[in-house]
Amino acid sequence: MFARVAGVFYRAEPRRWARSYLTGLLAPVERKNTWQLSEAAGEEDPGRLQHFLNRSRWDADELRDCLRAYVAEALACPDGVLVPDETGFLKKGVKSAGVQRQYSGTAGRVENSQLGVFLAYAGRSGRALIDRELYLPESWIGDRDRCIEAGIPETRCSTGLLTKPRLAEMMIARTLDAGVPAGWVAADSAYGRDGRFRAFCETRRLSYVLEVPVRHTVPDLDGRRRVDTLVARAPAQAWHRVSAGLGERGEREYDWAWATLPNFGDLPAGYTRTLLARRSLDNPADIAYYLCFHPATIEREQVVAVAGARWAVEECFQAAKDQCGLDHYQVRKWHPWYRHITLAMLAHAFLAVTAATDPKAHAGWAESQSPTSAVSWR
């Protein structure tokens, strides 16, 4: 794996430190910061690794491109799923690039943190993180001196506020433009409720299964209706028990209802929009709602499998943090953040690709069924 990326590091010295850094990220080191990684590499102090992260000459985006190609070669398939999501990195102080008090899903509350928006690739034999962007809040964009101190490029500040869905669009576009095979996008309601994000996918004929809030409305023949109102009208026979894939405790089984939404002439030929609902077996009042866009020939089981693939990004976050030190960094500036994060993603990708060689990982996805017309339950 390292031979594929060695050319990113132009000189022998940074190349050696890159390999040492990756080896440390994969080693049983308790805290994978420059102090402990240096110790694992036999150094008395972290000076050389800190220089490698902060000042040596190499491009984290070039490394990202190599990482994406490495994952695509091993895991990509025509029905692969792109999954954007963000994760928080708790911080002290106000110097770290992009830090502010904001909601962190990692902590489950508002905390002083940085937010990274990531893109995961979920294929039939494995999943890995393939892209990343640091979210820059509006409070930072308006403070040029603060941005300069944190090493944030002028080009990024002049772009203005990029919301999480806009950052996800950038990463998805880069991935598709690089020729990575992908058939679907799956994401939570932060992306599903964003009409511009849905339009971005539809313009590219990229099928999606996007969670939406309970109060989200969709067009019906006689006006707009809340998704929970439409689902409440579903007859009992519209619900089908289907597994959304394997989880830590076995099959993720739920009851699912699926309806075709009206076509008002704004859809590409051969495509349809559908509404999918997922109901808990333990608590029937616990229902999640998804807007879907896909070829009209797609069947229920494949849409359910894509909905289940959204959890892949959470599994990637957990593995990359627990095993590869994704959140163990002690850097404050913009470029060192991208460097550490990309190296940790590469270490995690190595584990994912290695696991994909296990024959047990190659379980095929379920086949499907067939659609009907306006707001009809399937």
Protein backbone atom coordinates (compact mmCIF):
# COMPACT_ATOMS: atom_id res chain seq x y z
CA MET A 1 0.00 0.00 0.00
CA PHE A 2 2.74 2.47 0.91
CA ALA A 3 4.45 1.90 -2.44
CA ARG A 4 1.33 3.34 -4.09
CA VAL A 5 1.56 6.62 -2.17
CA ALA A 6 5.33 7.00 -1.69
CA GLY A 7 5.63 9.37 -4.65
CA VAL A 8 3.48 11.95 -2.82
CA PHE A 9 6.45 12.54 -0.49
CA TYR A 10 9.07 14.08 -2.75
CA ARG A 11 12.19 13.39 -0.71
CA ALA A 12 13.53 10.36 1.12
CA GLU A 13 13.25 11.89 4.59
CA PRO A 14 9.51 12.78 4.51
CA ARG A 15 8.91 9.43 2.80
CA ARG A 16 10.51 7.63 5.77
CA TRP A 17 8.48 9.69 8.23
CA ALA A 18 5.26 9.06 6.32
CA ARG A 19 5.85 5.32 6.57
CA SER A 20 6.71 5.62 10.28
CA TYR A 21 3.58 7.70 10.87
CA LEU A 22 1.34 5.14 9.13
CA THR A 23 3.03 2.26 10.94
CA GLY A 24 2.41 4.02 14.25
CA LEU A 25 -1.24 4.68 13.39
CA LEU A 26 -1.67 0.93 12.80
CA ALA A 27 0.31 -0.08 15.91
CA PRO A 28 -1.09 -0.74 19.41
CA VAL A 29 -0.16 2.78 20.57
CA GLU A 30 -2.52 4.18 23.21
CA ARG A 31 -2.72 7.81 21.98
CA LYS A 32 -1.64 8.27 18.39
CA ASN A 33 -0.30 11.81 18.67
CA THR A 34 3.18 12.93 17.60
CA TRP A 35 4.64 12.29 21.07
CA GLN A 36 3.64 8.64 21.26
CA LEU A 37 4.12 7.97 17.55
CA SER A 38 7.66 9.37 17.85
CA GLU A 39 8.31 7.16 20.85
CA ALA A 40 7.06 4.13 18.89
CA ALA A 41 9.47 5.11 16.09
CA GLY A 42 12.40 5.20 18.54
CA GLU A 43 12.71 9.01 18.71
CA GLU A 44 13.46 10.87 21.93
CA ASP A 45 11.19 13.82 21.08
CA PRO A 46 8.42 14.56 18.54
CA GLY A 47 10.31 17.29 16.67
CA ARG A 48 10.77 15.40 13.42
CA LEU A 49 7.18 14.14 13.22
CA GLN A 50 5.88 17.61 14.08
CA HIS A 51 8.02 19.01 11.26
CA PHE A 52 6.63 16.29 8.95
CA LEU A 53 3.04 17.32 9.75
CA ASN A 54 3.53 21.07 9.88
CA ARG A 55 6.30 22.14 7.53
CA SER A 56 7.57 19.40 5.21
CA ARG A 57 6.72 19.63 1.52
CA TRP A 58 3.90 17.32 0.45
CA ASP A 59 0.25 17.67 -0.63
CA ALA A 60 -2.52 16.07 1.45
CA ASP A 61 -4.94 16.31 -1.49
CA GLU A 62 -2.56 14.34 -3.68
CA LEU A 63 -2.44 11.71 -0.95
CA ARG A 64 -6.24 11.76 -0.81
CA ASP A 65 -6.42 11.05 -4.53
CA CYS A 66 -4.08 8.05 -4.12
CA LEU A 67 -6.17 6.82 -1.19
CA ARG A 68 -9.39 7.08 -3.21
CA ALA A 69 -7.86 5.15 -6.12
CA TYR A 70 -6.58 2.47 -3.72
CA VAL A 71 -10.04 2.00 -2.17
CA ALA A 72 -11.80 2.08 -5.55
CA GLU A 73 -9.54 -0.60 -7.01
CA ALA A 74 -10.28 -2.95 -4.11
CA LEU A 75 -13.87 -2.14 -3.09
CA ALA A 76 -15.68 -0.34 -5.92
CA CYS A 77 -18.68 -1.87 -7.68
CA PRO A 78 -21.39 -0.41 -9.97
CA ASP A 79 -23.95 -0.28 -7.13
CA GLY A 80 -21.51 1.16 -4.59
CA VAL A 81 -22.92 3.71 -2.15
CA LEU A 82 -21.41 7.12 -1.36
CA VAL A 83 -22.22 8.17 2.21
CA PRO A 84 -21.50 11.74 3.37
CA ASP A 85 -21.60 12.54 7.10
CA GLU A 86 -19.82 14.66 9.67
CA THR A 87 -18.10 13.86 12.94
CA GLY A 88 -16.90 16.13 15.72
CA PHE A 89 -13.45 16.55 17.25
CA LEU A 90 -13.62 17.99 20.77
CA LYS A 91 -11.09 20.75 21.38
CA LYS A 92 -9.89 23.11 24.09
CA GLY A 93 -9.22 26.77 23.34
CA VAL A 94 -10.06 28.86 20.30
CA LYS A 95 -6.93 28.49 18.11
CA SER A 96 -7.67 25.27 16.19
CA ALA A 97 -8.90 25.94 12.64
CA GLY A 98 -12.70 26.02 12.49
CA VAL A 99 -13.24 25.45 16.20
CA GLN A 100 -16.27 26.95 17.92
CA ARG A 101 -19.09 25.92 20.22
CA GLN A 102 -21.35 23.86 17.97
CA TYR A 103 -23.36 20.66 18.07
CA SER A 104 -21.13 17.60 17.99
CA GLY A 105 -22.72 14.24 17.25
CA THR A 106 -19.67 12.66 18.85
CA ALA A 107 -20.52 14.27 22.20
CA GLY A 108 -24.30 14.36 21.60
CA ARG A 109 -24.43 18.02 22.68
CA VAL A 110 -23.07 21.50 21.95
CA GLU A 111 -19.33 21.51 22.66
CA ASN A 112 -16.20 23.39 21.69
CA SER A 113 -15.23 21.35 18.66
CA GLN A 114 -14.14 21.09 15.06
CA LEU A 115 -16.42 19.38 12.54
CA GLY A 116 -15.09 17.30 9.69
CA VAL A 117 -17.37 16.33 6.80
CA PHE A 118 -16.37 12.97 5.32
CA LEU A 119 -17.33 10.79 2.39
CA ALA A 120 -17.38 7.02 2.82
CA TYR A 121 -17.55 4.43 0.06
CA ALA A 122 -19.60 1.31 0.82
CA GLY A 123 -19.10 -1.58 -1.60
CA ARG A 124 -20.17 -5.20 -1.49
CA SER A 125 -16.96 -6.35 0.22
CA GLY A 126 -16.10 -3.41 2.46
CA ARG A 127 -16.26 0.27 3.27
CA ALA A 128 -13.75 3.04 3.84
CA LEU A 129 -13.46 6.82 4.11
CA ILE A 130 -12.30 8.35 0.80
CA ASP A 131 -12.57 12.13 1.22
CA ARG A 132 -12.76 14.82 3.91
CA GLU A 133 -13.29 18.53 4.38
CA LEU A 134 -12.97 20.67 7.51
CA TYR A 135 -16.16 22.66 8.11
CA LEU A 136 -15.40 26.37 8.45
CA PRO A 137 -18.13 28.24 10.42
CA GLU A 138 -19.27 31.72 9.45
CA SER A 139 -17.60 33.19 12.55
CA TRP A 140 -14.24 32.18 11.07
CA ILE A 141 -14.88 33.33 7.52
CA GLY A 142 -15.53 36.89 8.71
CA ASP A 143 -12.30 37.05 10.76
CA ARG A 144 -9.42 37.18 8.29
CA ASP A 145 -6.71 37.67 10.97
CA ARG A 146 -7.88 34.56 12.76
CA CYS A 147 -7.84 32.61 9.51
CA ILE A 148 -4.30 33.75 8.72
CA GLU A 149 -3.11 32.66 12.17
CA ALA A 150 -4.66 29.20 11.64
CA GLY A 151 -3.10 28.87 8.17
CA ILE A 152 -6.45 28.81 6.35
CA PRO A 153 -5.91 29.60 2.64
CA GLU A 154 -7.29 32.87 1.29
CA THR A 155 -9.05 30.94 -1.47
CA ARG A 156 -11.06 29.03 1.15
CA CYS A 157 -12.08 32.13 3.07
CA SER A 158 -13.10 33.99 -0.09
CA THR A 159 -15.43 31.13 -1.04
CA GLY A 160 -17.70 32.10 1.86
CA LEU A 161 -19.79 29.76 3.99
CA LEU A 162 -19.92 26.23 2.64
CA THR A 163 -22.62 24.25 4.43
CA LYS A 164 -22.21 20.55 5.09
CA PRO A 165 -24.35 19.57 2.06
CA ARG A 166 -22.22 21.87 -0.16
CA LEU A 167 -19.04 20.21 1.12
CA ALA A 168 -20.62 16.81 0.47
CA GLU A 169 -21.44 17.87 -3.11
CA MET A 170 -17.80 18.86 -3.66
CA MET A 171 -16.54 15.48 -2.46
CA ILE A 172 -19.11 13.48 -4.43
CA ALA A 173 -18.32 15.46 -7.60
CA ARG A 174 -14.57 14.83 -7.12
CA THR A 175 -15.21 11.12 -6.64
CA LEU A 176 -17.37 10.75 -9.74
CA ASP A 177 -15.08 12.93 -11.85
CA ALA A 178 -12.21 10.63 -10.84
CA GLY A 179 -14.12 7.73 -12.42
CA VAL A 180 -14.98 5.87 -9.22
CA PRO A 181 -17.99 3.58 -9.89
CA ALA A 182 -20.94 4.49 -7.66
CA GLY A 183 -24.65 3.99 -8.14
CA TRP A 184 -26.14 5.53 -5.00
CA VAL A 185 -25.92 8.18 -2.31
CA ALA A 186 -27.24 7.54 1.21
CA ALA A 187 -27.30 10.19 3.93
CA ASP A 188 -29.11 11.38 7.04
CA SER A 189 -31.65 14.19 7.30
CA ALA A 190 -29.02 16.97 7.39
CA TYR A 191 -28.54 16.22 3.68
CA GLY A 192 -31.95 14.77 2.81
CA ARG A 193 -33.88 17.92 3.76
CA ASP A 194 -31.62 20.06 1.56
CA GLY A 195 -33.41 20.50 -1.76
CA ARG A 196 -30.26 21.71 -3.50
CA PHE A 197 -28.40 18.55 -2.47
CA ARG A 198 -31.20 16.36 -3.85
CA ALA A 199 -31.21 18.38 -7.09
CA PHE A 200 -27.42 17.96 -7.35
CA CYS A 201 -27.81 14.16 -7.23
CA GLU A 202 -30.73 14.13 -9.67
CA THR A 203 -28.87 16.29 -12.20
CA ARG A 204 -26.06 13.72 -12.19
CA ARG A 205 -28.58 10.82 -12.42
CA LEU A 206 -27.17 9.61 -9.11
CA SER A 207 -29.76 7.53 -7.27
CA TYR A 208 -30.27 8.33 -3.60
CA VAL A 209 -31.92 7.19 -0.38
CA LEU A 210 -31.93 10.23 1.93
CA GLU A 211 -33.47 10.41 5.39
CA VAL A 212 -35.81 13.37 5.97
CA PRO A 213 -37.36 14.84 9.15
CA VAL A 214 -40.83 13.79 10.24
CA ARG A 215 -42.25 17.22 9.30
CA HIS A 216 -40.80 17.16 5.79
CA THR A 217 -43.44 17.64 3.08
CA VAL A 218 -43.65 16.10 -0.39
CA PRO A 219 -45.98 16.91 -3.30
CA ASP A 220 -49.21 14.92 -3.53
CA LEU A 221 -51.85 15.16 -6.27
CA ASP A 222 -53.89 17.64 -4.21
CA GLY A 223 -51.09 19.61 -2.55
CA ARG A 224 -48.15 18.98 -0.24
CA ARG A 225 -48.33 16.44 2.58
CA ARG A 226 -46.09 15.67 5.53
CA VAL A 227 -44.27 12.38 5.16
CA ASP A 228 -45.65 11.08 8.47
CA THR A 229 -49.20 11.87 7.31
CA LEU A 230 -48.71 9.87 4.11
CA VAL A 231 -47.13 6.94 5.92
CA ALA A 232 -49.93 6.90 8.50
CA ARG A 233 -52.34 6.17 5.61
CA ALA A 234 -50.40 3.12 4.47
CA PRO A 235 -52.49 -0.06 4.68
CA ALA A 236 -51.24 -2.92 6.84
CA GLN A 237 -50.33 -4.99 3.78
CA ALA A 238 -47.98 -2.22 2.60
CA TRP A 239 -45.51 -3.07 5.39
CA HIS A 240 -42.92 -5.75 4.67
CA ARG A 241 -40.26 -7.16 6.99
CA VAL A 242 -36.86 -6.85 5.34
CA SER A 243 -33.29 -6.91 6.64
CA ALA A 244 -31.22 -3.78 6.03
CA GLY A 245 -28.03 -5.82 6.35
CA LEU A 246 -25.85 -7.27 9.07
CA GLY A 247 -25.10 -5.27 12.21
CA GLU A 248 -23.13 -5.92 15.37
CA ARG A 249 -26.07 -7.93 16.77
CA GLY A 250 -27.03 -9.78 13.61
CA GLU A 251 -29.54 -8.90 10.90
CA ARG A 252 -30.99 -5.36 11.09
CA GLU A 253 -34.63 -6.28 10.56
CA TYR A 254 -37.37 -3.65 10.29
CA ASP A 255 -40.81 -3.29 8.77
CA TRP A 256 -40.67 -1.17 5.61
CA ALA A 257 -43.35 0.59 3.56
CA TRP A 258 -42.61 2.02 0.13
CA ALA A 259 -44.71 4.30 -2.09
CA THR A 260 -44.27 5.96 -5.48
CA LEU A 261 -44.64 9.73 -5.42
CA PRO A 262 -46.39 11.67 -8.20
CA ASN A 263 -44.42 12.64 -11.29
CA PHE A 264 -45.09 16.26 -12.29
CA GLY A 265 -42.91 16.07 -15.39
CA ASP A 266 -39.68 17.15 -13.69
CA LEU A 267 -38.02 13.73 -13.66
CA PRO A 268 -35.50 12.31 -16.14
CA ALA A 269 -36.93 9.63 -18.39
CA GLY A 270 -37.01 6.24 -16.68
CA TYR A 271 -36.59 7.64 -13.14
CA THR A 272 -39.01 7.91 -10.26
CA ARG A 273 -39.19 9.39 -6.76
CA THR A 274 -40.39 7.23 -3.90
CA LEU A 275 -41.07 7.53 -0.18
CA LEU A 276 -39.63 4.84 2.10
CA ALA A 277 -40.55 4.34 5.77
CA ARG A 278 -38.69 2.19 8.30
CA ARG A 279 -40.59 1.02 11.40
CA SER A 280 -38.93 -0.49 14.48
CA LEU A 281 -40.06 -3.99 15.45
CA ASP A 282 -39.67 -3.19 19.16
CA ASN A 283 -41.39 0.21 19.06
CA PRO A 284 -43.86 0.65 16.15
CA ALA A 285 -44.08 4.38 16.93
CA ASP A 286 -40.39 4.71 16.00
CA ILE A 287 -40.50 5.43 12.26
CA ALA A 288 -37.80 6.90 10.02
CA TYR A 289 -38.61 8.46 6.64
CA TYR A 290 -36.58 8.53 3.42
CA LEU A 291 -36.93 10.30 0.09
CA CYS A 292 -35.60 8.19 -2.77
CA PHE A 293 -34.70 8.82 -6.41
CA HIS A 294 -33.77 5.96 -8.72
CA PRO A 295 -34.56 4.15 -11.99
CA ALA A 296 -38.17 2.96 -12.07
CA THR A 297 -37.03 -0.66 -12.38
CA ILE A 298 -35.38 -0.70 -8.93
CA GLU A 299 -37.05 -2.94 -6.36
CA ARG A 300 -37.70 -2.74 -2.65
CA GLU A 301 -34.85 -4.88 -1.33
CA GLN A 302 -32.19 -2.84 -3.12
CA VAL A 303 -33.58 0.46 -1.81
CA VAL A 304 -33.65 -1.02 1.72
CA ALA A 305 -30.05 -2.23 1.31
CA VAL A 306 -28.96 1.30 0.36
CA ALA A 307 -30.80 2.75 3.38
CA GLY A 308 -28.89 0.27 5.54
CA ALA A 309 -25.59 1.20 3.90
CA ARG A 310 -25.76 4.66 5.52
CA TRP A 311 -24.54 3.09 8.75
CA ALA A 312 -21.25 2.29 6.97
CA VAL A 313 -19.94 5.79 7.62
CA GLU A 314 -20.59 5.47 11.37
CA GLU A 315 -18.71 2.17 11.39
CA CYS A 316 -15.84 3.84 9.52
CA PHE A 317 -15.71 6.68 12.05
CA GLN A 318 -15.62 4.29 14.97
CA ALA A 319 -12.93 2.08 13.44
CA ALA A 320 -10.79 4.99 12.22
CA LYS A 321 -10.92 6.63 15.65
CA ASP A 322 -10.47 3.50 17.75
CA GLN A 323 -7.88 1.75 15.60
CA CYS A 324 -6.14 4.45 13.54
CA GLY A 325 -6.13 7.59 15.70
CA LEU A 326 -8.38 9.71 13.46
CA ASP A 327 -9.20 11.96 16.45
CA HIS A 328 -5.87 11.74 18.30
CA TYR A 329 -4.18 14.70 16.63
CA GLN A 330 -2.74 17.72 18.46
CA VAL A 331 -2.40 20.09 15.51
CA ARG A 332 -4.15 23.45 15.28
CA LYS A 333 -3.57 24.69 11.76
CA TRP A 334 -5.47 23.97 8.54
CA HIS A 335 -2.90 22.01 6.50
CA PRO A 336 -1.63 19.81 9.38
CA TRP A 337 -5.28 18.87 10.12
CA TYR A 338 -5.73 17.65 6.54
CA ARG A 339 -2.42 15.81 6.69
CA HIS A 340 -3.12 13.87 9.88
CA ILE A 341 -6.73 13.11 8.91
CA THR A 342 -5.73 11.83 5.46
CA LEU A 343 -2.97 9.63 6.87
CA ALA A 344 -5.41 8.18 9.43
CA MET A 345 -7.94 7.54 6.64
CA LEU A 346 -5.22 5.77 4.64
CA ALA A 347 -4.37 3.57 7.63
CA HIS A 348 -8.06 2.69 8.02
CA ALA A 349 -8.38 2.01 4.28
CA PHE A 350 -5.48 -0.43 4.54
CA LEU A 351 -7.41 -2.37 7.20
CA ALA A 352 -10.62 -2.26 5.13
CA VAL A 353 -8.92 -3.45 1.94
CA THR A 354 -7.06 -6.18 3.82
CA ALA A 355 -10.33 -7.40 5.35
CA ALA A 356 -11.97 -7.41 1.91
CA THR A 357 -9.65 -10.24 0.83
CA ASP A 358 -11.52 -12.51 3.27
CA PRO A 359 -14.00 -14.63 1.23
CA LYS A 360 -16.59 -14.13 3.99
CA ALA A 361 -16.68 -10.42 3.14
CA HIS A 362 -18.07 -11.07 -0.34
CA ALA A 363 -21.74 -11.53 0.51
CA GLY A 364 -23.85 -10.25 -2.39
CA TRP A 365 -26.56 -7.66 -1.89
CA ALA A 366 -30.22 -8.68 -2.21
CA GLU A 367 -32.09 -8.42 -5.50
CA SER A 368 -35.36 -6.42 -5.79
CA GLN A 369 -39.09 -5.96 -6.91
CA SER A 370 -41.00 -3.39 -9.13
CA PRO A 371 -42.79 0.01 -8.99
CA THR A 372 -46.22 1.45 -9.75
CA SER A 373 -47.67 4.98 -10.16
CA ALA A 374 -48.50 8.07 -8.07
CA VAL A 375 -48.54 7.70 -4.25
CA SER A 376 -49.33 3.99 -4.42
CA TRP A 377 -48.00 1.67 -1.75
CA ARG A 378 -45.95 -1.23 -3.02
